[in-house]
Protein backbone atom coordinates (compact mmCIF):
# COMPACT_ATOMS: atom_id res chain seq x y z
CA MET A 1 100.14 82.73 78.05
CA GLY A 2 103.44 83.44 76.30
CA ASN A 3 106.70 84.87 77.42
CA GLN A 4 105.84 87.58 79.96
CA LEU A 5 109.23 89.30 79.64
CA PHE A 6 108.86 89.40 75.86
CA GLN A 7 105.43 91.00 76.17
CA GLU A 8 106.77 93.52 78.66
CA ALA A 9 109.63 94.41 76.32
CA ARG A 10 107.19 94.98 73.49
CA ARG A 11 105.10 97.25 75.74
CA PHE A 12 108.11 99.31 76.83
CA VAL A 13 109.33 99.73 73.24
CA GLU A 14 105.88 100.98 72.28
CA MET A 15 105.98 103.42 75.20
CA ALA A 16 109.38 104.70 74.04
CA ARG A 17 108.07 105.11 70.50
CA THR A 18 105.16 107.26 71.65
CA ALA A 19 106.92 109.14 74.47
CA SER A 20 107.19 112.89 74.38
CA PRO A 21 110.66 114.24 73.65
CA ALA A 22 111.06 115.14 77.33
CA ASP A 23 110.28 111.57 78.44
CA ARG A 24 111.90 109.68 75.59
CA GLN A 25 115.32 109.09 77.19
CA THR A 26 113.85 107.50 80.32
CA ALA A 27 111.41 105.45 78.27
CA MET A 28 114.22 104.21 76.04
CA GLU A 29 116.32 103.16 79.04
CA LYS A 30 113.40 101.18 80.43
CA ALA A 31 112.81 99.58 77.03
CA LYS A 32 116.47 98.60 76.69
CA ASN A 33 116.42 96.99 80.13
CA ALA A 34 113.24 95.10 79.27
CA LEU A 35 114.77 93.88 76.01
CA SER A 36 117.85 92.61 77.83
CA SER A 37 115.74 90.76 80.39
CA ALA A 38 113.54 89.21 77.73
CA TYR A 39 116.39 88.03 75.52
CA ALA A 40 117.75 85.38 77.90
CA ASN A 41 114.45 83.50 78.12
CA SER A 42 113.30 83.81 74.52
CA THR A 43 112.83 81.42 71.66
CA ILE A 44 114.72 81.95 68.42
CA ALA A 45 111.66 83.60 66.85
CA GLU A 46 111.25 85.92 69.84
CA LYS A 47 114.95 86.80 69.75
CA SER A 48 114.55 87.85 66.13
CA GLN A 49 111.64 90.12 67.05
CA LEU A 50 113.55 91.50 70.05
CA HIS A 51 116.43 92.35 67.74
CA GLU A 52 114.02 94.25 65.48
CA MET A 53 112.69 96.15 68.50
CA GLN A 54 116.25 97.01 69.54
CA ASP A 55 116.95 98.34 66.05
CA GLU A 56 113.81 100.46 66.31
CA LEU A 57 115.02 101.95 69.60
CA GLU A 58 118.36 102.79 68.05
CA ASN A 59 116.59 104.57 65.22
CA LEU A 60 114.59 106.62 67.74
CA SER A 61 117.78 107.87 69.35
CA HIS A 62 119.15 109.30 66.11
């Protein structure tokens, strides 16, 4: 089935990416929390992808 926390993090990052400007801050906070939770239980390959998602969130905030 895969890493559930990883899948959740991916979903929250996608939600942050598509959120309206009014909802973006809350969506980004949820995505950051999901990324943190997923990181501890991830494989090396998943950690690399999580890092890319984190970079994407940082780019959204600028």
